[in-house]
Amino acid sequence: MTEPVKGPASYFPSIEKKHGRPIAEWKSLIRSSPLTKHMELVAWLKTEHGLGHGHANALVAHTLAEDSAT
């Protein structure tokens, strides 16, 4: 039996369903943004792309965590 997805990635299926873009595309947008701070990126996703706070926060948190691990 597989463990349920936890943390920011648990939002990914609903983000893709609601906004119609794959997670890889959202991550690419975040990485290509000139913004670098977590809350700046969250605010940008909310205002420019219409994401809710939870979805924007999950995408930014997961993307920045991935980037800091490399």
N, C-alpha and C. Protein backbone atom coordinates (compact mmCIF):
# COMPACT_ATOMS: atom_id res chain seq x y z
N MET A 1 0.84 -1.19 0.00
CA MET A 1 0.00 0.00 0.00
C MET A 1 0.88 1.25 0.00
N THR A 2 0.56 2.20 -0.83
CA THR A 2 1.36 3.42 -0.91
C THR A 2 0.90 4.42 0.13
N GLU A 3 1.86 5.17 0.63
CA GLU A 3 1.55 6.21 1.63
C GLU A 3 0.94 7.41 0.93
N PRO A 4 0.00 8.07 1.57
CA PRO A 4 -0.58 9.28 0.95
C PRO A 4 0.48 10.38 0.84
N VAL A 5 0.36 11.16 -0.21
CA VAL A 5 1.28 12.27 -0.42
C VAL A 5 1.00 13.32 0.65
N LYS A 6 2.08 13.83 1.25
CA LYS A 6 1.94 14.83 2.30
C LYS A 6 2.66 16.10 1.89
N GLY A 7 2.41 17.16 2.62
CA GLY A 7 3.09 18.42 2.39
C GLY A 7 2.57 19.12 1.15
N PRO A 8 3.39 20.02 0.61
CA PRO A 8 2.95 20.82 -0.54
C PRO A 8 2.50 20.00 -1.74
N ALA A 9 3.14 18.86 -1.96
CA ALA A 9 2.79 18.04 -3.13
C ALA A 9 1.37 17.49 -3.06
N SER A 10 0.79 17.47 -1.87
CA SER A 10 -0.59 16.98 -1.75
C SER A 10 -1.58 17.88 -2.48
N TYR A 11 -1.19 19.11 -2.75
CA TYR A 11 -2.05 20.05 -3.48
C TYR A 11 -1.97 19.88 -5.00
N PHE A 12 -0.95 19.18 -5.49
CA PHE A 12 -0.68 19.15 -6.92
C PHE A 12 -1.84 18.65 -7.78
N PRO A 13 -2.52 17.56 -7.42
CA PRO A 13 -3.64 17.13 -8.28
C PRO A 13 -4.74 18.18 -8.41
N SER A 14 -5.06 18.86 -7.33
CA SER A 14 -6.13 19.87 -7.41
C SER A 14 -5.65 21.12 -8.15
N ILE A 15 -4.37 21.44 -8.06
CA ILE A 15 -3.83 22.58 -8.82
C ILE A 15 -3.95 22.30 -10.32
N GLU A 16 -3.53 21.11 -10.73
CA GLU A 16 -3.60 20.76 -12.15
C GLU A 16 -5.05 20.74 -12.64
N LYS A 17 -5.94 20.20 -11.83
CA LYS A 17 -7.34 20.12 -12.22
C LYS A 17 -7.97 21.50 -12.33
N LYS A 18 -7.74 22.34 -11.35
CA LYS A 18 -8.38 23.65 -11.30
C LYS A 18 -7.80 24.63 -12.33
N HIS A 19 -6.49 24.60 -12.52
CA HIS A 19 -5.84 25.61 -13.35
C HIS A 19 -5.38 25.11 -14.71
N GLY A 20 -5.49 23.80 -14.96
CA GLY A 20 -5.25 23.25 -16.29
C GLY A 20 -3.83 23.25 -16.79
N ARG A 21 -2.87 23.40 -15.89
CA ARG A 21 -1.46 23.35 -16.29
C ARG A 21 -0.76 22.27 -15.47
N PRO A 22 0.18 21.57 -16.08
CA PRO A 22 0.93 20.58 -15.29
C PRO A 22 1.85 21.27 -14.28
N ILE A 23 2.17 20.57 -13.23
CA ILE A 23 3.01 21.12 -12.16
C ILE A 23 4.37 21.55 -12.71
N ALA A 24 4.91 20.79 -13.64
CA ALA A 24 6.21 21.15 -14.23
C ALA A 24 6.17 22.54 -14.86
N GLU A 25 5.05 22.88 -15.46
CA GLU A 25 4.91 24.20 -16.08
C GLU A 25 4.87 25.30 -15.02
N TRP A 26 4.16 25.05 -13.92
CA TRP A 26 4.13 26.04 -12.83
C TRP A 26 5.53 26.23 -12.25
N LYS A 27 6.25 25.14 -12.06
CA LYS A 27 7.61 25.23 -11.51
C LYS A 27 8.52 26.00 -12.46
N SER A 28 8.37 25.78 -13.74
CA SER A 28 9.16 26.51 -14.73
C SER A 28 8.87 28.01 -14.65
N LEU A 29 7.60 28.36 -14.51
CA LEU A 29 7.23 29.77 -14.36
C LEU A 29 7.88 30.39 -13.13
N ILE A 30 7.82 29.66 -12.03
CA ILE A 30 8.41 30.16 -10.78
C ILE A 30 9.91 30.36 -10.96
N ARG A 31 10.56 29.39 -11.55
CA ARG A 31 12.02 29.47 -11.73
C ARG A 31 12.43 30.56 -12.71
N SER A 32 11.56 30.90 -13.64
CA SER A 32 11.91 31.93 -14.62
C SER A 32 11.57 33.33 -14.14
N SER A 33 10.88 33.42 -13.03
CA SER A 33 10.51 34.73 -12.49
C SER A 33 11.75 35.44 -11.94
N PRO A 34 11.80 36.77 -12.08
CA PRO A 34 12.92 37.50 -11.48
C PRO A 34 12.80 37.58 -9.95
N LEU A 35 11.63 37.24 -9.43
CA LEU A 35 11.43 37.26 -7.98
C LEU A 35 12.11 36.05 -7.35
N THR A 36 12.58 36.22 -6.11
CA THR A 36 13.28 35.11 -5.46
C THR A 36 12.74 34.80 -4.06
N LYS A 37 12.05 35.73 -3.46
CA LYS A 37 11.56 35.52 -2.09
C LYS A 37 10.22 34.79 -2.12
N HIS A 38 10.05 33.90 -1.15
CA HIS A 38 8.87 33.05 -1.08
C HIS A 38 7.57 33.84 -1.20
N MET A 39 7.34 34.81 -0.34
CA MET A 39 6.07 35.52 -0.34
C MET A 39 5.89 36.42 -1.57
N GLU A 40 6.98 36.90 -2.13
CA GLU A 40 6.88 37.66 -3.38
C GLU A 40 6.37 36.76 -4.50
N LEU A 41 6.90 35.55 -4.56
CA LEU A 41 6.47 34.59 -5.58
C LEU A 41 5.02 34.18 -5.37
N VAL A 42 4.63 33.96 -4.12
CA VAL A 42 3.24 33.61 -3.81
C VAL A 42 2.31 34.73 -4.27
N ALA A 43 2.63 35.96 -3.92
CA ALA A 43 1.80 37.11 -4.32
C ALA A 43 1.72 37.23 -5.84
N TRP A 44 2.83 36.99 -6.52
CA TRP A 44 2.86 37.05 -7.98
C TRP A 44 1.96 35.99 -8.61
N LEU A 45 2.02 34.76 -8.11
CA LEU A 45 1.16 33.70 -8.64
C LEU A 45 -0.32 34.03 -8.41
N LYS A 46 -0.61 34.64 -7.27
CA LYS A 46 -1.99 34.99 -6.95
C LYS A 46 -2.50 36.11 -7.86
N THR A 47 -1.71 37.16 -8.03
CA THR A 47 -2.19 38.31 -8.80
C THR A 47 -2.09 38.11 -10.31
N GLU A 48 -1.00 37.51 -10.77
CA GLU A 48 -0.79 37.37 -12.21
C GLU A 48 -1.41 36.11 -12.81
N HIS A 49 -1.60 35.08 -11.99
CA HIS A 49 -2.06 33.80 -12.52
C HIS A 49 -3.33 33.28 -11.87
N GLY A 50 -3.88 34.02 -10.92
CA GLY A 50 -5.17 33.69 -10.34
C GLY A 50 -5.21 32.50 -9.40
N LEU A 51 -4.07 32.10 -8.87
CA LEU A 51 -4.06 31.00 -7.91
C LEU A 51 -4.51 31.49 -6.55
N GLY A 52 -5.09 30.59 -5.78
CA GLY A 52 -5.41 30.88 -4.39
C GLY A 52 -4.14 30.81 -3.57
N HIS A 53 -4.21 31.30 -2.34
CA HIS A 53 -3.03 31.36 -1.50
C HIS A 53 -2.44 29.97 -1.23
N GLY A 54 -3.28 29.00 -0.91
CA GLY A 54 -2.78 27.66 -0.60
C GLY A 54 -2.07 27.01 -1.77
N HIS A 55 -2.64 27.13 -2.95
CA HIS A 55 -2.02 26.54 -4.14
C HIS A 55 -0.71 27.25 -4.47
N ALA A 56 -0.72 28.57 -4.44
CA ALA A 56 0.50 29.33 -4.74
C ALA A 56 1.59 29.00 -3.73
N ASN A 57 1.24 28.97 -2.47
CA ASN A 57 2.21 28.68 -1.41
C ASN A 57 2.79 27.28 -1.58
N ALA A 58 1.96 26.30 -1.89
CA ALA A 58 2.44 24.93 -2.08
C ALA A 58 3.42 24.83 -3.24
N LEU A 59 3.09 25.47 -4.36
CA LEU A 59 3.98 25.43 -5.52
C LEU A 59 5.33 26.09 -5.22
N VAL A 60 5.29 27.25 -4.59
CA VAL A 60 6.53 27.97 -4.28
C VAL A 60 7.36 27.19 -3.27
N ALA A 61 6.73 26.70 -2.22
CA ALA A 61 7.46 25.95 -1.18
C ALA A 61 8.14 24.73 -1.78
N HIS A 62 7.42 23.98 -2.59
CA HIS A 62 7.98 22.75 -3.17
C HIS A 62 9.11 23.08 -4.15
N THR A 63 8.91 24.09 -4.97
CA THR A 63 9.92 24.46 -5.96
C THR A 63 11.19 24.98 -5.30
N LEU A 64 11.05 25.86 -4.32
CA LEU A 64 12.23 26.40 -3.64
C LEU A 64 12.96 25.31 -2.86
N ALA A 65 12.22 24.39 -2.26
CA ALA A 65 12.85 23.28 -1.54
C ALA A 65 13.64 22.39 -2.49
N GLU A 66 13.08 22.12 -3.66
CA GLU A 66 13.80 21.32 -4.67
C GLU A 66 15.08 22.02 -5.09
N ASP A 67 14.99 23.32 -5.33
CA ASP A 67 16.14 24.07 -5.81
C ASP A 67 17.23 24.19 -4.76
N SER A 68 16.86 24.26 -3.49
CA SER A 68 17.87 24.38 -2.44
C SER A 68 18.54 23.04 -2.15
N ALA A 69 17.90 21.95 -2.56
CA ALA A 69 18.45 20.61 -2.33
C ALA A 69 19.51 20.25 -3.37
N THR A 70 19.56 21.00 -4.46
CA THR A 70 20.52 20.67 -5.52
C THR A 70 21.78 21.48 -5.41
